[in-house]
């Protein structure tokens, strides 16, 4: 029988991971502790770096089943390298893998049996996010306005400044005119009062 009828190695690995996930869903804490003491949680997270997406999905499913136990939750959530690897997949994985990573991080953040999980996830994001970019993301460049729009904007600004200057000069001129008119009125009133006083004095003298 030709070798092309043999299942690919990645399919066999994904099948083994699926059986491991099934065992983790029904396993007791002592079995999980023994498993982690033998292989460690890093063995699963190394599979997340595999280029095969089927293997990555199976590894994430195993991690989801693992954090369903108290021992597995503490082992995954307290391992900085593991949490960083899961957070990194948010930026470089397809959308359906990002969703599984978010579901896994959600368990780490909101599990009441592991209070420090949320802090560990936030710290991992703070370390990964500044150096990461979503796969396929292109830097956003500011769109440059056409030259005529720049010229029009300059004209609008210049006209606005000139208008403000003209309005200010008109207001100042009106204030000066009002002030001069008031001085004139006061001068005329004073003159009238003086004239009336002189006339009264003359009339008194003539009597």
C-alpha atoms as a PDB file:
ATOM      1  CA  UNK A   1       0.000   0.000   0.000  1.00  0.00           C
ATOM      2  CA  UNK A   2       1.386   3.397  -0.973  1.00  0.00           C
ATOM      3  CA  UNK A   3       2.461   5.899   1.600  1.00  0.00           C
ATOM      4  CA  UNK A   4      -0.102   8.412   0.292  1.00  0.00           C
ATOM      5  CA  UNK A   5      -2.841   6.399   2.030  1.00  0.00           C
ATOM      6  CA  UNK A   6      -1.246   6.981   5.423  1.00  0.00           C
ATOM      7  CA  UNK A   7      -2.765   9.882   7.337  1.00  0.00           C
ATOM      8  CA  UNK A   8      -0.461  12.906   7.452  1.00  0.00           C
ATOM      9  CA  UNK A   9       1.547  13.301  10.629  1.00  0.00           C
ATOM     10  CA  UNK A  10      -0.257  16.525  11.520  1.00  0.00           C
ATOM     11  CA  UNK A  11      -3.613  14.749  11.372  1.00  0.00           C
ATOM     12  CA  UNK A  12      -2.296  12.079  13.735  1.00  0.00           C
ATOM     13  CA  UNK A  13      -1.004  14.752  16.126  1.00  0.00           C
ATOM     14  CA  UNK A  14      -4.338  16.597  16.063  1.00  0.00           C
ATOM     15  CA  UNK A  15      -6.149  13.314  16.736  1.00  0.00           C
ATOM     16  CA  UNK A  16      -3.913  12.607  19.743  1.00  0.00           C
ATOM     17  CA  UNK A  17      -4.529  16.102  21.076  1.00  0.00           C
ATOM     18  CA  UNK A  18      -8.271  15.578  20.698  1.00  0.00           C
ATOM     19  CA  UNK A  19      -8.057  12.383  22.763  1.00  0.00           C
ATOM     20  CA  UNK A  20      -6.029  14.272  25.375  1.00  0.00           C
ATOM     21  CA  UNK A  21      -8.702  16.990  25.483  1.00  0.00           C
ATOM     22  CA  UNK A  22     -11.370  14.345  26.079  1.00  0.00           C
ATOM     23  CA  UNK A  23      -9.336  12.865  28.927  1.00  0.00           C
ATOM     24  CA  UNK A  24      -8.815  16.287  30.509  1.00  0.00           C
ATOM     25  CA  UNK A  25     -12.556  16.992  30.477  1.00  0.00           C
ATOM     26  CA  UNK A  26     -13.214  14.003  32.716  1.00  0.00           C
ATOM     27  CA  UNK A  27      -9.892  13.721  34.551  1.00  0.00           C
ATOM     28  CA  UNK A  28      -9.459  14.064  38.300  1.00  0.00           C
ATOM     29  CA  UNK A  29      -7.117  16.601  39.840  1.00  0.00           C
ATOM     30  CA  UNK A  30      -4.519  14.000  40.792  1.00  0.00           C
ATOM     31  CA  UNK A  31      -4.322  12.789  37.183  1.00  0.00           C
ATOM     32  CA  UNK A  32      -3.877  16.345  35.927  1.00  0.00           C
ATOM     33  CA  UNK A  33      -1.140  16.969  38.500  1.00  0.00           C
ATOM     34  CA  UNK A  34       0.698  13.828  37.388  1.00  0.00           C
ATOM     35  CA  UNK A  35       0.328  14.796  33.719  1.00  0.00           C
ATOM     36  CA  UNK A  36       1.750  18.274  34.324  1.00  0.00           C
ATOM     37  CA  UNK A  37       4.613  16.873  36.366  1.00  0.00           C
ATOM     38  CA  UNK A  38       5.550  14.620  33.438  1.00  0.00           C
ATOM     39  CA  UNK A  39       5.118  16.834  30.386  1.00  0.00           C
ATOM     40  CA  UNK A  40       4.452  20.333  31.749  1.00  0.00           C
ATOM     41  CA  UNK A  41       2.145  22.962  30.296  1.00  0.00           C
ATOM     42  CA  UNK A  42       4.916  24.287  28.038  1.00  0.00           C
ATOM     43  CA  UNK A  43       4.669  21.122  25.958  1.00  0.00           C
ATOM     44  CA  UNK A  44       1.205  22.185  24.835  1.00  0.00           C
ATOM     45  CA  UNK A  45       2.139  25.812  24.213  1.00  0.00           C
ATOM     46  CA  UNK A  46       5.038  24.761  21.970  1.00  0.00           C
ATOM     47  CA  UNK A  47       2.412  23.321  19.644  1.00  0.00           C
ATOM     48  CA  UNK A  48       0.866  26.781  19.326  1.00  0.00           C
ATOM     49  CA  UNK A  49       3.972  27.854  17.421  1.00  0.00           C
ATOM     50  CA  UNK A  50       3.430  25.135  14.818  1.00  0.00           C
ATOM     51  CA  UNK A  51       2.528  26.469  11.358  1.00  0.00           C
ATOM     52  CA  UNK A  52      -0.326  23.974  11.033  1.00  0.00           C
ATOM     53  CA  UNK A  53      -3.584  25.624  12.086  1.00  0.00           C
ATOM     54  CA  UNK A  54      -5.277  22.285  12.810  1.00  0.00           C
ATOM     55  CA  UNK A  55      -2.591  21.530  15.402  1.00  0.00           C
ATOM     56  CA  UNK A  56      -2.974  25.000  16.895  1.00  0.00           C
ATOM     57  CA  UNK A  57      -6.744  24.537  17.230  1.00  0.00           C
ATOM     58  CA  UNK A  58      -6.285  21.158  18.921  1.00  0.00           C
ATOM     59  CA  UNK A  59      -3.648  22.577  21.303  1.00  0.00           C
ATOM     60  CA  UNK A  60      -5.901  25.488  22.258  1.00  0.00           C
ATOM     61  CA  UNK A  61      -8.775  23.069  22.867  1.00  0.00           C
ATOM     62  CA  UNK A  62      -6.526  21.052  25.198  1.00  0.00           C
ATOM     63  CA  UNK A  63      -5.547  24.213  27.069  1.00  0.00           C
ATOM     64  CA  UNK A  64      -9.221  25.148  27.425  1.00  0.00           C
ATOM     65  CA  UNK A  65      -9.933  21.728  28.890  1.00  0.00           C
ATOM     66  CA  UNK A  66      -6.854  22.013  31.106  1.00  0.00           C
ATOM     67  CA  UNK A  67      -7.893  25.343  32.665  1.00  0.00           C
ATOM     68  CA  UNK A  68     -11.198  23.712  33.524  1.00  0.00           C
ATOM     69  CA  UNK A  69      -9.347  22.069  36.406  1.00  0.00           C
ATOM     70  CA  UNK A  70      -7.926  23.912  39.398  1.00  0.00           C
ATOM     71  CA  UNK A  71      -4.430  22.494  38.886  1.00  0.00           C
ATOM     72  CA  UNK A  72      -4.410  23.256  35.187  1.00  0.00           C
ATOM     73  CA  UNK A  73      -5.758  26.773  35.721  1.00  0.00           C
ATOM     74  CA  UNK A  74      -2.978  27.606  38.151  1.00  0.00           C
ATOM     75  CA  UNK A  75      -0.331  26.002  35.915  1.00  0.00           C
ATOM     76  CA  UNK A  76      -1.416  27.946  32.824  1.00  0.00           C
ATOM     77  CA  UNK A  77      -2.253  31.248  34.494  1.00  0.00           C
ATOM     78  CA  UNK A  78       0.911  31.465  36.582  1.00  0.00           C
ATOM     79  CA  UNK A  79       3.263  30.726  33.666  1.00  0.00           C
ATOM     80  CA  UNK A  80       4.255  34.050  32.088  1.00  0.00           C
ATOM     81  CA  UNK A  81       5.658  32.463  28.928  1.00  0.00           C
ATOM     82  CA  UNK A  82       2.455  30.517  28.332  1.00  0.00           C
ATOM     83  CA  UNK A  83       0.193  33.542  28.814  1.00  0.00           C
ATOM     84  CA  UNK A  84       2.436  35.626  26.536  1.00  0.00           C
ATOM     85  CA  UNK A  85       2.249  32.934  23.841  1.00  0.00           C
ATOM     86  CA  UNK A  86      -1.559  32.962  23.996  1.00  0.00           C
ATOM     87  CA  UNK A  87      -1.666  36.777  23.885  1.00  0.00           C
ATOM     88  CA  UNK A  88       0.744  36.808  20.923  1.00  0.00           C
ATOM     89  CA  UNK A  89      -1.645  34.603  18.960  1.00  0.00           C
ATOM     90  CA  UNK A  90      -4.241  37.386  19.161  1.00  0.00           C
ATOM     91  CA  UNK A  91      -2.083  39.346  16.703  1.00  0.00           C
ATOM     92  CA  UNK A  92      -0.827  36.679  14.283  1.00  0.00           C
ATOM     93  CA  UNK A  93      -3.602  34.086  14.109  1.00  0.00           C
ATOM     94  CA  UNK A  94      -6.710  33.810  11.909  1.00  0.00           C
ATOM     95  CA  UNK A  95      -9.945  35.133  13.358  1.00  0.00           C
ATOM     96  CA  UNK A  96     -11.285  31.794  14.586  1.00  0.00           C
ATOM     97  CA  UNK A  97      -8.005  31.113  16.439  1.00  0.00           C
ATOM     98  CA  UNK A  98      -8.147  34.583  17.972  1.00  0.00           C
ATOM     99  CA  UNK A  99     -11.628  33.766  19.235  1.00  0.00           C
ATOM    100  CA  UNK A 100     -10.376  30.594  20.951  1.00  0.00           C
ATOM    101  CA  UNK A 101      -7.500  32.557  22.488  1.00  0.00           C
ATOM    102  CA  UNK A 102      -9.963  35.150  23.798  1.00  0.00           C
ATOM    103  CA  UNK A 103     -12.119  32.414  25.304  1.00  0.00           C
ATOM    104  CA  UNK A 104      -9.061  30.968  27.032  1.00  0.00           C
ATOM    105  CA  UNK A 105      -7.916  34.359  28.332  1.00  0.00           C
ATOM    106  CA  UNK A 106     -11.461  35.040  29.521  1.00  0.00           C
ATOM    107  CA  UNK A 107     -11.289  31.974  31.768  1.00  0.00           C
ATOM    108  CA  UNK A 108      -7.926  33.100  33.152  1.00  0.00           C
ATOM    109  CA  UNK A 109      -9.252  36.593  33.879  1.00  0.00           C
ATOM    110  CA  UNK A 110     -12.601  35.799  35.464  1.00  0.00           C
ATOM    111  CA  UNK A 111     -12.024  32.539  37.329  1.00  0.00           C
ATOM    112  CA  UNK A 112     -12.732  33.045  41.029  1.00  0.00           C
ATOM    113  CA  UNK A 113     -10.405  30.167  41.941  1.00  0.00           C
ATOM    114  CA  UNK A 114      -7.387  31.989  40.486  1.00  0.00           C
ATOM    115  CA  UNK A 115      -7.610  35.700  41.488  1.00  0.00           C
ATOM    116  CA  UNK A 116      -4.219  36.682  40.051  1.00  0.00           C
ATOM    117  CA  UNK A 117      -5.105  35.474  36.557  1.00  0.00           C
ATOM    118  CA  UNK A 118      -6.478  38.817  35.383  1.00  0.00           C
ATOM    119  CA  UNK A 119      -3.341  40.660  36.516  1.00  0.00           C
ATOM    120  CA  UNK A 120      -1.118  38.112  34.745  1.00  0.00           C
ATOM    121  CA  UNK A 121      -3.056  38.519  31.493  1.00  0.00           C
ATOM    122  CA  UNK A 122      -2.879  42.337  31.679  1.00  0.00           C
ATOM    123  CA  UNK A 123       0.868  42.182  32.337  1.00  0.00           C
ATOM    124  CA  UNK A 124       1.352  39.862  29.366  1.00  0.00           C
ATOM    125  CA  UNK A 125      -0.615  42.214  27.100  1.00  0.00           C
ATOM    126  CA  UNK A 126       1.480  45.148  28.316  1.00  0.00           C
ATOM    127  CA  UNK A 127       4.639  43.263  27.319  1.00  0.00           C
ATOM    128  CA  UNK A 128       3.395  41.969  23.963  1.00  0.00           C
ATOM    129  CA  UNK A 129       1.141  44.722  22.576  1.00  0.00           C
ATOM    130  CA  UNK A 130       3.763  47.507  22.128  1.00  0.00           C
ATOM    131  CA  UNK A 131       5.824  45.250  19.831  1.00  0.00           C
ATOM    132  CA  UNK A 132       2.976  43.485  18.018  1.00  0.00           C
ATOM    133  CA  UNK A 133       0.827  44.298  15.028  1.00  0.00           C
ATOM    134  CA  UNK A 134      -2.170  42.446  13.687  1.00  0.00           C
ATOM    135  CA  UNK A 135      -1.246  40.198  10.815  1.00  0.00           C
ATOM    136  CA  UNK A 136      -1.907  41.962   7.517  1.00  0.00           C
ATOM    137  CA  UNK A 137      -2.301  45.309   9.207  1.00  0.00           C
ATOM    138  CA  UNK A 138      -0.850  48.238   7.300  1.00  0.00           C
ATOM    139  CA  UNK A 139       0.255  51.473   8.920  1.00  0.00           C
ATOM    140  CA  UNK A 140      -2.308  54.211   8.493  1.00  0.00           C
ATOM    141  CA  UNK A 141      -0.958  57.243   6.687  1.00  0.00           C
ATOM    142  CA  UNK A 142      -2.599  60.593   6.984  1.00  0.00           C
ATOM    143  CA  UNK A 143      -4.236  61.651   3.752  1.00  0.00           C
ATOM    144  CA  UNK A 144      -2.685  64.798   2.372  1.00  0.00           C
ATOM    145  CA  UNK A 145      -5.201  67.425   1.213  1.00  0.00           C
ATOM    146  CA  UNK A 146      -5.018  68.630  -2.405  1.00  0.00           C
ATOM    147  CA  UNK A 147      -3.011  71.837  -3.027  1.00  0.00           C
ATOM    148  CA  UNK A 148      -6.084  73.892  -3.900  1.00  0.00           C
ATOM    149  CA  UNK A 149      -7.644  73.018  -0.548  1.00  0.00           C
ATOM    150  CA  UNK A 150      -4.513  74.217   1.214  1.00  0.00           C
ATOM    151  CA  UNK A 151      -4.608  77.493  -0.749  1.00  0.00           C
ATOM    152  CA  UNK A 152      -8.319  77.915  -0.050  1.00  0.00           C
ATOM    153  CA  UNK A 153      -7.759  77.332   3.653  1.00  0.00           C
ATOM    154  CA  UNK A 154      -4.993  79.950   3.704  1.00  0.00           C
ATOM    155  CA  UNK A 155      -7.264  82.475   1.951  1.00  0.00           C
ATOM    156  CA  UNK A 156     -10.065  81.814   4.427  1.00  0.00           C
ATOM    157  CA  UNK A 157      -7.705  82.323   7.360  1.00  0.00           C
ATOM    158  CA  UNK A 158      -6.298  85.539   5.856  1.00  0.00           C
ATOM    159  CA  UNK A 159      -9.765  86.959   5.160  1.00  0.00           C
ATOM    160  CA  UNK A 160     -10.879  86.069   8.678  1.00  0.00           C
ATOM    161  CA  UNK A 161      -7.915  87.923  10.160  1.00  0.00           C
ATOM    162  CA  UNK A 162      -8.540  90.988   7.969  1.00  0.00           C
ATOM    163  CA  UNK A 163     -12.229  90.998   8.874  1.00  0.00           C
ATOM    164  CA  UNK A 164     -11.441  90.834  12.583  1.00  0.00           C
ATOM    165  CA  UNK A 165      -9.004  93.736  12.231  1.00  0.00           C
ATOM    166  CA  UNK A 166     -11.553  95.853  10.367  1.00  0.00           C
ATOM    167  CA  UNK A 167     -14.232  95.138  12.965  1.00  0.00           C
ATOM    168  CA  UNK A 168     -11.840  96.032  15.766  1.00  0.00           C
ATOM    169  CA  UNK A 169     -10.893  99.330  14.089  1.00  0.00           C
ATOM    170  CA  UNK A 170     -14.567 100.206  13.563  1.00  0.00           C
ATOM    171  CA  UNK A 171     -15.343  99.528  17.198  1.00  0.00           C
ATOM    172  CA  UNK A 172     -12.402 101.658  18.338  1.00  0.00           C
ATOM    173  CA  UNK A 173     -13.432 104.485  15.965  1.00  0.00           C
ATOM    174  CA  UNK A 174     -17.016 104.381  17.226  1.00  0.00           C
ATOM    175  CA  UNK A 175     -15.792 104.556  20.810  1.00  0.00           C
ATOM    176  CA  UNK A 176     -13.608 107.561  19.980  1.00  0.00           C
ATOM    177  CA  UNK A 177     -16.491 109.323  18.205  1.00  0.00           C
ATOM    178  CA  UNK A 178     -18.806 108.729  21.130  1.00  0.00           C
ATOM    179  CA  UNK A 179     -16.173 110.036  23.506  1.00  0.00           C
ATOM    180  CA  UNK A 180     -15.626 113.166  21.406  1.00  0.00           C
ATOM    181  CA  UNK A 181     -19.369 113.768  21.140  1.00  0.00           C
ATOM    182  CA  UNK A 182     -19.714 113.479  24.894  1.00  0.00           C
ATOM    183  CA  UNK A 183     -16.899 115.987  25.390  1.00  0.00           C
ATOM    184  CA  UNK A 184     -18.566 118.379  22.964  1.00  0.00           C
ATOM    185  CA  UNK A 185     -21.887 118.063  24.750  1.00  0.00           C
ATOM    186  CA  UNK A 186     -20.261 118.706  28.101  1.00  0.00           C
ATOM    187  CA  UNK A 187     -18.440 121.733  26.677  1.00  0.00           C
ATOM    188  CA  UNK A 188     -21.665 123.161  25.216  1.00  0.00           C
ATOM    189  CA  UNK A 189     -23.515 122.575  28.497  1.00  0.00           C
ATOM    190  CA  UNK A 190     -20.779 124.271  30.497  1.00  0.00           C
ATOM    191  CA  UNK A 191     -20.787 127.213  28.099  1.00  0.00           C
ATOM    192  CA  UNK A 192     -24.557 127.527  28.361  1.00  0.00           C
ATOM    193  CA  UNK A 193     -24.414 127.451  32.138  1.00  0.00           C
ATOM    194  CA  UNK A 194     -21.694 130.123  32.180  1.00  0.00           C
ATOM    195  CA  UNK A 195     -23.643 132.302  29.743  1.00  0.00           C
ATOM    196  CA  UNK A 196     -26.784 132.017  31.827  1.00  0.00           C
ATOM    197  CA  UNK A 197     -24.888 132.911  34.972  1.00  0.00           C
ATOM    198  CA  UNK A 198     -23.400 135.981  33.271  1.00  0.00           C
ATOM    199  CA  UNK A 199     -26.814 137.037  32.021  1.00  0.00           C
ATOM    200  CA  UNK A 200     -28.367 136.710  35.459  1.00  0.00           C
ATOM    201  CA  UNK A 201     -25.528 138.669  36.994  1.00  0.00           C
ATOM    202  CA  UNK A 202     -25.887 141.455  34.442  1.00  0.00           C
ATOM    203  CA  UNK A 203     -29.654 141.629  35.017  1.00  0.00           C
ATOM    204  CA  UNK A 204     -29.138 141.910  38.731  1.00  0.00           C
ATOM    205  CA  UNK A 205     -26.646 144.700  38.288  1.00  0.00           C
ATOM    206  CA  UNK A 206     -28.942 146.623  36.004  1.00  0.00           C
ATOM    207  CA  UNK A 207     -31.760 146.525  38.539  1.00  0.00           C
END
